């Protein structure tokens, strides 16, 4: 039997007003600031294998 380690990162979209809060929890900014449904957001991700 072979066990395969799967690398994974979760990507979330964070309201641009909350970026500092999520960065304090270990998330990092990725990509460009965007807009969806009239709200500005910043894509962020966290490495789950720390």
PDB file of N, CA and C in Angstrom:
ATOM      1  N   UNK A   1       0.849  -1.171   0.000  1.00  0.00           N
ATOM      2  CA  UNK A   1       0.000   0.000   0.000  1.00  0.00           C
ATOM      3  C   UNK A   1       0.896   1.235   0.000  1.00  0.00           C
ATOM      4  N   UNK A   2       0.516   2.210  -0.795  1.00  0.00           N
ATOM      5  CA  UNK A   2       1.272   3.449  -0.915  1.00  0.00           C
ATOM      6  C   UNK A   2       0.469   4.600  -0.311  1.00  0.00           C
ATOM      7  N   UNK A   3       1.148   5.413   0.479  1.00  0.00           N
ATOM      8  CA  UNK A   3       0.500   6.592   1.060  1.00  0.00           C
ATOM      9  C   UNK A   3       1.043   7.823   0.360  1.00  0.00           C
ATOM     10  N   UNK A   4       0.150   8.619  -0.168  1.00  0.00           N
ATOM     11  CA  UNK A   4       0.548   9.829  -0.896  1.00  0.00           C
ATOM     12  C   UNK A   4       0.199  11.058  -0.073  1.00  0.00           C
ATOM     13  N   UNK A   5       1.183  11.909   0.182  1.00  0.00           N
ATOM     14  CA  UNK A   5       0.949  13.161   0.892  1.00  0.00           C
ATOM     15  C   UNK A   5       0.405  14.192  -0.096  1.00  0.00           C
ATOM     16  N   UNK A   6      -0.705  14.788   0.233  1.00  0.00           N
ATOM     17  CA  UNK A   6      -1.325  15.775  -0.643  1.00  0.00           C
ATOM     18  C   UNK A   6      -1.070  17.159  -0.078  1.00  0.00           C
ATOM     19  N   UNK A   7      -0.421  18.009  -0.873  1.00  0.00           N
ATOM     20  CA  UNK A   7      -0.209  19.392  -0.476  1.00  0.00           C
ATOM     21  C   UNK A   7      -1.493  20.154  -0.734  1.00  0.00           C
ATOM     22  N   UNK A   8      -1.908  20.981   0.204  1.00  0.00           N
ATOM     23  CA  UNK A   8      -3.155  21.712   0.037  1.00  0.00           C
ATOM     24  C   UNK A   8      -3.067  23.064   0.718  1.00  0.00           C
ATOM     25  N   UNK A   9      -3.611  24.032   0.070  1.00  0.00           N
ATOM     26  CA  UNK A   9      -3.776  25.352   0.658  1.00  0.00           C
ATOM     27  C   UNK A   9      -5.207  25.768   0.420  1.00  0.00           C
ATOM     28  N   UNK A  10      -5.824  26.382   1.394  1.00  0.00           N
ATOM     29  CA  UNK A  10      -7.176  26.889   1.225  1.00  0.00           C
ATOM     30  C   UNK A  10      -7.114  28.357   0.844  1.00  0.00           C
ATOM     31  N   UNK A  11      -7.912  28.725  -0.137  1.00  0.00           N
ATOM     32  CA  UNK A  11      -7.978  30.094  -0.623  1.00  0.00           C
ATOM     33  C   UNK A  11      -9.317  30.686  -0.222  1.00  0.00           C
ATOM     34  N   UNK A  12      -9.286  31.856   0.385  1.00  0.00           N
ATOM     35  CA  UNK A  12     -10.523  32.552   0.753  1.00  0.00           C
ATOM     36  C   UNK A  12     -10.494  33.949   0.166  1.00  0.00           C
ATOM     37  N   UNK A  13     -11.657  34.547   0.064  1.00  0.00           N
ATOM     38  CA  UNK A  13     -11.770  35.944  -0.337  1.00  0.00           C
ATOM     39  C   UNK A  13     -12.193  36.732   0.891  1.00  0.00           C
ATOM     40  N   UNK A  14     -11.404  37.724   1.237  1.00  0.00           N
ATOM     41  CA  UNK A  14     -11.621  38.488   2.455  1.00  0.00           C
ATOM     42  C   UNK A  14     -12.043  39.910   2.103  1.00  0.00           C
ATOM     43  N   UNK A  15     -13.089  40.390   2.757  1.00  0.00           N
ATOM     44  CA  UNK A  15     -13.500  41.783   2.589  1.00  0.00           C
ATOM     45  C   UNK A  15     -12.299  42.663   2.882  1.00  0.00           C
ATOM     46  N   UNK A  16     -12.056  43.640   2.026  1.00  0.00           N
ATOM     47  CA  UNK A  16     -10.849  44.469   2.155  1.00  0.00           C
ATOM     48  C   UNK A  16     -10.767  45.219   3.481  1.00  0.00           C
ATOM     49  N   UNK A  17     -11.879  45.343   4.196  1.00  0.00           N
ATOM     50  CA  UNK A  17     -11.874  46.017   5.507  1.00  0.00           C
ATOM     51  C   UNK A  17     -11.291  45.114   6.599  1.00  0.00           C
ATOM     52  N   UNK A  18     -11.162  43.794   6.346  1.00  0.00           N
ATOM     53  CA  UNK A  18     -10.770  42.826   7.380  1.00  0.00           C
ATOM     54  C   UNK A  18      -9.386  42.223   7.162  1.00  0.00           C
ATOM     55  N   UNK A  19      -8.626  42.727   6.210  1.00  0.00           N
ATOM     56  CA  UNK A  19      -7.339  42.117   5.851  1.00  0.00           C
ATOM     57  C   UNK A  19      -6.405  41.996   7.049  1.00  0.00           C
ATOM     58  N   UNK A  20      -6.271  43.042   7.847  1.00  0.00           N
ATOM     59  CA  UNK A  20      -5.349  43.002   8.992  1.00  0.00           C
ATOM     60  C   UNK A  20      -5.723  41.906   9.980  1.00  0.00           C
ATOM     61  N   UNK A  21      -7.005  41.694  10.198  1.00  0.00           N
ATOM     62  CA  UNK A  21      -7.465  40.652  11.121  1.00  0.00           C
ATOM     63  C   UNK A  21      -7.040  39.277  10.634  1.00  0.00           C
ATOM     64  N   UNK A  22      -7.256  38.991   9.351  1.00  0.00           N
ATOM     65  CA  UNK A  22      -6.891  37.685   8.810  1.00  0.00           C
ATOM     66  C   UNK A  22      -5.378  37.501   8.763  1.00  0.00           C
ATOM     67  N   UNK A  23      -4.623  38.553   8.486  1.00  0.00           N
ATOM     68  CA  UNK A  23      -3.163  38.448   8.485  1.00  0.00           C
ATOM     69  C   UNK A  23      -2.662  38.114   9.887  1.00  0.00           C
ATOM     70  N   UNK A  24      -3.318  38.645  10.912  1.00  0.00           N
ATOM     71  CA  UNK A  24      -2.949  38.338  12.288  1.00  0.00           C
ATOM     72  C   UNK A  24      -3.221  36.890  12.662  1.00  0.00           C
ATOM     73  N   UNK A  25      -4.071  36.215  11.888  1.00  0.00           N
ATOM     74  CA  UNK A  25      -4.392  34.803  12.130  1.00  0.00           C
ATOM     75  C   UNK A  25      -3.556  33.856  11.274  1.00  0.00           C
ATOM     76  N   UNK A  26      -2.593  34.400  10.514  1.00  0.00           N
ATOM     77  CA  UNK A  26      -1.696  33.555   9.746  1.00  0.00           C
ATOM     78  C   UNK A  26      -1.958  33.480   8.253  1.00  0.00           C
ATOM     79  N   UNK A  27      -2.972  34.188   7.758  1.00  0.00           N
ATOM     80  CA  UNK A  27      -3.228  34.210   6.319  1.00  0.00           C
ATOM     81  C   UNK A  27      -2.270  35.171   5.643  1.00  0.00           C
ATOM     82  N   UNK A  28      -2.016  34.961   4.344  1.00  0.00           N
ATOM     83  CA  UNK A  28      -1.191  35.885   3.575  1.00  0.00           C
ATOM     84  C   UNK A  28      -1.962  36.295   2.317  1.00  0.00           C
ATOM     85  N   UNK A  29      -1.712  37.506   1.859  1.00  0.00           N
ATOM     86  CA  UNK A  29      -2.379  38.030   0.666  1.00  0.00           C
ATOM     87  C   UNK A  29      -1.837  37.333  -0.569  1.00  0.00           C
ATOM     88  N   UNK A  30      -2.738  36.971  -1.473  1.00  0.00           N
ATOM     89  CA  UNK A  30      -2.363  36.376  -2.755  1.00  0.00           C
ATOM     90  C   UNK A  30      -3.227  37.013  -3.829  1.00  0.00           C
ATOM     91  N   UNK A  31      -2.647  37.290  -4.952  1.00  0.00           N
ATOM     92  CA  UNK A  31      -3.423  37.842  -6.056  1.00  0.00           C
ATOM     93  C   UNK A  31      -3.753  39.311  -5.878  1.00  0.00           C
ATOM     94  N   UNK A  32      -4.562  39.788  -6.788  1.00  0.00           N
ATOM     95  CA  UNK A  32      -4.936  41.196  -6.825  1.00  0.00           C
ATOM     96  C   UNK A  32      -6.272  41.425  -6.127  1.00  0.00           C
ATOM     97  N   UNK A  33      -6.449  42.623  -5.583  1.00  0.00           N
ATOM     98  CA  UNK A  33      -7.735  43.004  -5.008  1.00  0.00           C
ATOM     99  C   UNK A  33      -8.760  43.016  -6.128  1.00  0.00           C
ATOM    100  N   UNK A  34      -9.932  42.449  -5.867  1.00  0.00           N
ATOM    101  CA  UNK A  34     -10.985  42.366  -6.870  1.00  0.00           C
ATOM    102  C   UNK A  34     -12.295  42.907  -6.333  1.00  0.00           C
ATOM    103  N   UNK A  35     -13.317  42.800  -7.138  1.00  0.00           N
ATOM    104  CA  UNK A  35     -14.646  43.254  -6.730  1.00  0.00           C
ATOM    105  C   UNK A  35     -15.676  42.245  -7.211  1.00  0.00           C
ATOM    106  N   UNK A  36     -16.621  41.916  -6.340  1.00  0.00           N
ATOM    107  CA  UNK A  36     -17.684  40.982  -6.668  1.00  0.00           C
ATOM    108  C   UNK A  36     -18.943  41.417  -5.929  1.00  0.00           C
ATOM    109  N   UNK A  37     -20.038  41.498  -6.645  1.00  0.00           N
ATOM    110  CA  UNK A  37     -21.328  41.898  -6.062  1.00  0.00           C
ATOM    111  C   UNK A  37     -21.218  43.235  -5.324  1.00  0.00           C
ATOM    112  N   UNK A  38     -20.377  44.128  -5.836  1.00  0.00           N
ATOM    113  CA  UNK A  38     -20.233  45.448  -5.243  1.00  0.00           C
ATOM    114  C   UNK A  38     -19.307  45.508  -4.040  1.00  0.00           C
ATOM    115  N   UNK A  39     -18.713  44.386  -3.649  1.00  0.00           N
ATOM    116  CA  UNK A  39     -17.795  44.361  -2.504  1.00  0.00           C
ATOM    117  C   UNK A  39     -16.375  44.161  -2.991  1.00  0.00           C
ATOM    118  N   UNK A  40     -15.439  44.903  -2.414  1.00  0.00           N
ATOM    119  CA  UNK A  40     -14.025  44.720  -2.731  1.00  0.00           C
ATOM    120  C   UNK A  40     -13.477  43.613  -1.839  1.00  0.00           C
ATOM    121  N   UNK A  41     -12.638  42.754  -2.429  1.00  0.00           N
ATOM    122  CA  UNK A  41     -12.074  41.653  -1.660  1.00  0.00           C
ATOM    123  C   UNK A  41     -10.603  41.445  -2.012  1.00  0.00           C
ATOM    124  N   UNK A  42      -9.897  40.794  -1.107  1.00  0.00           N
ATOM    125  CA  UNK A  42      -8.489  40.433  -1.273  1.00  0.00           C
ATOM    126  C   UNK A  42      -8.382  38.923  -1.144  1.00  0.00           C
ATOM    127  N   UNK A  43      -7.934  38.209  -2.197  1.00  0.00           N
ATOM    128  CA  UNK A  43      -7.702  36.772  -2.038  1.00  0.00           C
ATOM    129  C   UNK A  43      -6.584  36.532  -1.012  1.00  0.00           C
ATOM    130  N   UNK A  44      -6.804  35.567  -0.131  1.00  0.00           N
ATOM    131  CA  UNK A  44      -5.813  35.231   0.894  1.00  0.00           C
ATOM    132  C   UNK A  44      -5.745  33.728   1.024  1.00  0.00           C
ATOM    133  N   UNK A  45      -4.619  33.231   1.529  1.00  0.00           N
ATOM    134  CA  UNK A  45      -4.480  31.794   1.753  1.00  0.00           C
ATOM    135  C   UNK A  45      -3.644  31.547   2.998  1.00  0.00           C
ATOM    136  N   UNK A  46      -3.777  30.316   3.509  1.00  0.00           N
ATOM    137  CA  UNK A  46      -3.010  29.896   4.686  1.00  0.00           C
ATOM    138  C   UNK A  46      -2.425  28.524   4.396  1.00  0.00           C
ATOM    139  N   UNK A  47      -1.159  28.348   4.673  1.00  0.00           N
ATOM    140  CA  UNK A  47      -0.524  27.044   4.524  1.00  0.00           C
ATOM    141  C   UNK A  47      -1.003  26.166   5.666  1.00  0.00           C
ATOM    142  N   UNK A  48      -1.656  25.048   5.329  1.00  0.00           N
ATOM    143  CA  UNK A  48      -2.221  24.169   6.356  1.00  0.00           C
ATOM    144  C   UNK A  48      -1.222  23.134   6.876  1.00  0.00           C
ATOM    145  N   UNK A  49       0.013  23.136   6.352  1.00  0.00           N
ATOM    146  CA  UNK A  49       1.002  22.139   6.737  1.00  0.00           C
ATOM    147  C   UNK A  49       2.150  22.736   7.531  1.00  0.00           C
ATOM    148  N   UNK A  50       1.868  23.680   8.386  1.00  0.00           N
ATOM    149  CA  UNK A  50       2.935  24.298   9.205  1.00  0.00           C
ATOM    150  C   UNK A  50       3.175  23.495  10.450  1.00  0.00           C
TER     151      UNK A  50
END
